[in-house]
Amino acid sequence: MEWCIKILHERKIESGYGDSVVRRLSADLKERYPKMGVSPHQLWNMMKFYERYAGHDEKVLRSVALLPWSHNLLLLSKGLNDEATL
C-alpha cells in the first residue's frame, strides 16, 4: 500500500485535480483486495500521513507507528510540529 501513496505523492496529486485518479486507484485496490476496502477519503488521509512523516526523525516515526489510525488523523488535523506530536 505504501507504494501507492508514494506514487501519489511523487506525482503531486492534489485534491480537485487528482480526485479522479484517487477514485480510480481506490476502485482498483478494492477489486484486487476486496477485504481491504480503501476509500478515496482514506487514500487522501494516507497521503497526508506519508507527506507529514516521510523522512522524519526515527523517534517520531516509532511514536506515531504505535498510535491507532484515528489518533494519527487527529494529530494530522492539528498540524503539529514534531516536538508537539511527541
N, C-alpha and C. Protein backbone atom coordinates (compact mmCIF):
# COMPACT_ATOMS: atom_id res chain seq x y z
N MET A 1 0.82 -1.19 0.00
CA MET A 1 0.00 0.00 0.00
C MET A 1 0.87 1.26 0.00
N GLU A 2 2.00 1.19 0.68
CA GLU A 2 2.85 2.38 0.76
C GLU A 2 3.29 2.84 -0.62
N TRP A 3 3.53 1.90 -1.53
CA TRP A 3 3.97 2.28 -2.87
C TRP A 3 2.90 3.11 -3.57
N CYS A 4 1.61 2.82 -3.33
CA CYS A 4 0.53 3.61 -3.95
C CYS A 4 0.59 5.06 -3.47
N ILE A 5 0.75 5.21 -2.17
CA ILE A 5 0.78 6.54 -1.58
C ILE A 5 2.01 7.30 -2.04
N LYS A 6 3.13 6.60 -2.13
CA LYS A 6 4.37 7.24 -2.58
C LYS A 6 4.22 7.74 -4.03
N ILE A 7 3.57 6.95 -4.86
CA ILE A 7 3.35 7.36 -6.25
C ILE A 7 2.46 8.61 -6.30
N LEU A 8 1.38 8.61 -5.52
CA LEU A 8 0.51 9.79 -5.49
C LEU A 8 1.28 11.02 -5.06
N HIS A 9 2.12 10.86 -4.05
CA HIS A 9 2.92 11.98 -3.56
C HIS A 9 3.92 12.46 -4.63
N GLU A 10 4.63 11.52 -5.23
CA GLU A 10 5.65 11.89 -6.21
C GLU A 10 5.06 12.56 -7.44
N ARG A 11 3.86 12.19 -7.79
CA ARG A 11 3.21 12.80 -8.96
C ARG A 11 2.46 14.07 -8.60
N LYS A 12 2.58 14.48 -7.34
CA LYS A 12 1.96 15.73 -6.87
C LYS A 12 0.46 15.74 -7.13
N ILE A 13 -0.18 14.60 -6.86
CA ILE A 13 -1.63 14.52 -7.00
C ILE A 13 -2.26 15.34 -5.88
N GLU A 14 -3.13 16.26 -6.24
CA GLU A 14 -3.78 17.13 -5.26
C GLU A 14 -5.29 17.03 -5.39
N SER A 15 -5.96 17.34 -4.31
CA SER A 15 -7.41 17.32 -4.31
C SER A 15 -7.92 18.26 -5.40
N GLY A 16 -8.98 17.86 -6.04
CA GLY A 16 -9.52 18.64 -7.16
C GLY A 16 -8.97 18.07 -8.45
N TYR A 17 -7.71 18.34 -8.72
CA TYR A 17 -7.08 17.86 -9.95
C TYR A 17 -6.95 16.34 -9.95
N GLY A 18 -6.61 15.76 -8.82
CA GLY A 18 -6.33 14.33 -8.76
C GLY A 18 -7.46 13.47 -8.23
N ASP A 19 -8.64 14.06 -8.03
CA ASP A 19 -9.75 13.28 -7.48
C ASP A 19 -10.08 12.05 -8.32
N SER A 20 -10.09 12.19 -9.62
CA SER A 20 -10.44 11.05 -10.48
C SER A 20 -9.36 9.97 -10.41
N VAL A 21 -8.10 10.38 -10.28
CA VAL A 21 -7.00 9.42 -10.16
C VAL A 21 -7.15 8.62 -8.87
N VAL A 22 -7.45 9.31 -7.78
CA VAL A 22 -7.59 8.66 -6.49
C VAL A 22 -8.83 7.76 -6.48
N ARG A 23 -9.92 8.19 -7.08
CA ARG A 23 -11.12 7.35 -7.16
C ARG A 23 -10.83 6.07 -7.95
N ARG A 24 -10.09 6.20 -9.04
CA ARG A 24 -9.75 5.04 -9.86
C ARG A 24 -8.83 4.08 -9.09
N LEU A 25 -7.84 4.64 -8.39
CA LEU A 25 -6.94 3.82 -7.59
C LEU A 25 -7.72 3.09 -6.50
N SER A 26 -8.66 3.77 -5.87
CA SER A 26 -9.49 3.14 -4.85
C SER A 26 -10.27 1.97 -5.43
N ALA A 27 -10.87 2.18 -6.58
CA ALA A 27 -11.64 1.10 -7.24
C ALA A 27 -10.73 -0.07 -7.60
N ASP A 28 -9.54 0.23 -8.12
CA ASP A 28 -8.60 -0.83 -8.48
C ASP A 28 -8.15 -1.62 -7.26
N LEU A 29 -7.89 -0.93 -6.16
CA LEU A 29 -7.48 -1.61 -4.93
C LEU A 29 -8.61 -2.47 -4.37
N LYS A 30 -9.85 -1.96 -4.43
CA LYS A 30 -10.99 -2.73 -3.95
C LYS A 30 -11.18 -4.00 -4.78
N GLU A 31 -10.93 -3.89 -6.07
CA GLU A 31 -11.06 -5.05 -6.95
C GLU A 31 -9.97 -6.08 -6.65
N ARG A 32 -8.76 -5.61 -6.46
CA ARG A 32 -7.63 -6.52 -6.23
C ARG A 32 -7.62 -7.07 -4.79
N TYR A 33 -7.99 -6.23 -3.82
CA TYR A 33 -8.00 -6.62 -2.40
C TYR A 33 -9.39 -6.34 -1.82
N PRO A 34 -10.37 -7.18 -2.14
CA PRO A 34 -11.76 -6.89 -1.73
C PRO A 34 -11.97 -6.78 -0.22
N LYS A 35 -11.17 -7.44 0.57
CA LYS A 35 -11.34 -7.39 2.02
C LYS A 35 -10.77 -6.11 2.62
N MET A 36 -9.89 -5.43 1.88
CA MET A 36 -9.24 -4.23 2.41
C MET A 36 -10.18 -3.02 2.35
N GLY A 37 -10.84 -2.80 1.24
CA GLY A 37 -11.78 -1.70 1.10
C GLY A 37 -11.20 -0.33 1.41
N VAL A 38 -10.44 0.24 0.49
CA VAL A 38 -9.81 1.54 0.68
C VAL A 38 -10.59 2.60 -0.09
N SER A 39 -11.21 3.51 0.64
CA SER A 39 -12.00 4.57 0.00
C SER A 39 -11.07 5.69 -0.47
N PRO A 40 -11.55 6.53 -1.40
CA PRO A 40 -10.74 7.68 -1.80
C PRO A 40 -10.37 8.57 -0.62
N HIS A 41 -11.30 8.76 0.31
CA HIS A 41 -11.02 9.58 1.51
C HIS A 41 -9.86 8.99 2.31
N GLN A 42 -9.87 7.67 2.47
CA GLN A 42 -8.79 7.01 3.20
C GLN A 42 -7.45 7.18 2.47
N LEU A 43 -7.48 7.11 1.16
CA LEU A 43 -6.24 7.31 0.39
C LEU A 43 -5.70 8.72 0.58
N TRP A 44 -6.58 9.72 0.58
CA TRP A 44 -6.13 11.10 0.82
C TRP A 44 -5.50 11.22 2.20
N ASN A 45 -6.13 10.58 3.21
CA ASN A 45 -5.57 10.62 4.56
C ASN A 45 -4.21 9.93 4.62
N MET A 46 -4.08 8.81 3.92
CA MET A 46 -2.80 8.10 3.89
C MET A 46 -1.71 8.96 3.24
N MET A 47 -2.09 9.69 2.21
CA MET A 47 -1.12 10.55 1.55
C MET A 47 -0.70 11.70 2.49
N LYS A 48 -1.64 12.27 3.21
CA LYS A 48 -1.30 13.31 4.19
C LYS A 48 -0.34 12.77 5.24
N PHE A 49 -0.61 11.56 5.71
CA PHE A 49 0.25 10.92 6.70
C PHE A 49 1.65 10.71 6.13
N TYR A 50 1.72 10.21 4.90
CA TYR A 50 3.02 9.98 4.25
C TYR A 50 3.78 11.30 4.11
N GLU A 51 3.11 12.32 3.63
CA GLU A 51 3.77 13.61 3.43
C GLU A 51 4.24 14.21 4.74
N ARG A 52 3.48 14.00 5.80
CA ARG A 52 3.83 14.57 7.10
C ARG A 52 5.05 13.88 7.71
N TYR A 53 5.14 12.56 7.58
CA TYR A 53 6.15 11.83 8.33
C TYR A 53 7.29 11.22 7.49
N ALA A 54 7.19 11.22 6.19
CA ALA A 54 8.25 10.63 5.35
C ALA A 54 9.58 11.34 5.60
N GLY A 55 10.59 10.59 5.96
CA GLY A 55 11.92 11.15 6.15
C GLY A 55 12.12 11.86 7.47
N HIS A 56 11.21 11.68 8.41
CA HIS A 56 11.33 12.36 9.70
C HIS A 56 12.17 11.55 10.68
N ASP A 57 12.41 12.16 11.81
CA ASP A 57 13.18 11.57 12.89
C ASP A 57 12.64 10.19 13.27
N GLU A 58 13.55 9.26 13.51
CA GLU A 58 13.19 7.89 13.87
C GLU A 58 12.29 7.84 15.11
N LYS A 59 12.55 8.70 16.06
CA LYS A 59 11.76 8.73 17.30
C LYS A 59 10.29 9.08 17.00
N VAL A 60 10.09 10.04 16.13
CA VAL A 60 8.74 10.43 15.75
C VAL A 60 8.06 9.29 15.00
N LEU A 61 8.78 8.67 14.08
CA LEU A 61 8.20 7.58 13.30
C LEU A 61 7.77 6.42 14.19
N ARG A 62 8.61 6.07 15.14
CA ARG A 62 8.26 4.98 16.06
C ARG A 62 7.04 5.35 16.91
N SER A 63 6.99 6.58 17.33
CA SER A 63 5.88 7.03 18.18
C SER A 63 4.55 6.97 17.44
N VAL A 64 4.50 7.51 16.24
CA VAL A 64 3.21 7.51 15.51
C VAL A 64 2.83 6.11 15.05
N ALA A 65 3.83 5.24 14.87
CA ALA A 65 3.53 3.86 14.47
C ALA A 65 2.77 3.11 15.57
N LEU A 66 2.95 3.53 16.80
CA LEU A 66 2.29 2.86 17.93
C LEU A 66 0.85 3.33 18.13
N LEU A 67 0.51 4.46 17.54
CA LEU A 67 -0.82 5.03 17.74
C LEU A 67 -1.86 4.40 16.82
N PRO A 68 -3.10 4.33 17.30
CA PRO A 68 -4.19 3.91 16.40
C PRO A 68 -4.35 4.95 15.29
N TRP A 69 -4.88 4.51 14.16
CA TRP A 69 -5.04 5.38 12.99
C TRP A 69 -5.88 6.62 13.34
N SER A 70 -6.92 6.46 14.15
CA SER A 70 -7.76 7.60 14.49
C SER A 70 -6.98 8.68 15.25
N HIS A 71 -6.03 8.26 16.08
CA HIS A 71 -5.21 9.23 16.80
C HIS A 71 -4.25 9.96 15.84
N ASN A 72 -3.72 9.21 14.88
CA ASN A 72 -2.85 9.85 13.89
C ASN A 72 -3.63 10.87 13.05
N LEU A 73 -4.86 10.55 12.70
CA LEU A 73 -5.68 11.51 11.95
C LEU A 73 -5.93 12.76 12.77
N LEU A 74 -6.15 12.60 14.06
CA LEU A 74 -6.35 13.75 14.94
C LEU A 74 -5.09 14.61 14.98
N LEU A 75 -3.92 14.00 15.12
CA LEU A 75 -2.66 14.74 15.12
C LEU A 75 -2.46 15.48 13.79
N LEU A 76 -2.76 14.81 12.69
CA LEU A 76 -2.63 15.45 11.38
C LEU A 76 -3.54 16.67 11.26
N SER A 77 -4.73 16.56 11.80
CA SER A 77 -5.69 17.66 11.69
C SER A 77 -5.25 18.89 12.49
N LYS A 78 -4.42 18.68 13.48
CA LYS A 78 -3.96 19.78 14.32
C LYS A 78 -2.74 20.49 13.74
N GLY A 79 -2.05 19.86 12.78
CA GLY A 79 -0.89 20.50 12.15
C GLY A 79 0.27 20.74 13.09
N LEU A 80 0.52 19.79 13.97
CA LEU A 80 1.57 19.94 14.97
C LEU A 80 2.95 19.69 14.40
N ASN A 81 3.95 20.31 15.03
CA ASN A 81 5.34 20.01 14.65
C ASN A 81 5.77 18.72 15.37
N ASP A 82 7.00 18.26 15.10
CA ASP A 82 7.47 17.00 15.67
C ASP A 82 7.47 17.02 17.19
N GLU A 83 7.93 18.11 17.77
CA GLU A 83 8.01 18.19 19.24
C GLU A 83 6.62 18.09 19.86
N ALA A 84 5.68 18.82 19.33
CA ALA A 84 4.31 18.79 19.86
C ALA A 84 3.67 17.42 19.62
N THR A 85 3.99 16.80 18.51
CA THR A 85 3.46 15.47 18.21
C THR A 85 3.94 14.46 19.24
N LEU A 86 5.22 14.54 19.59
CA LEU A 86 5.76 13.62 20.61
C LEU A 86 5.10 13.87 21.95
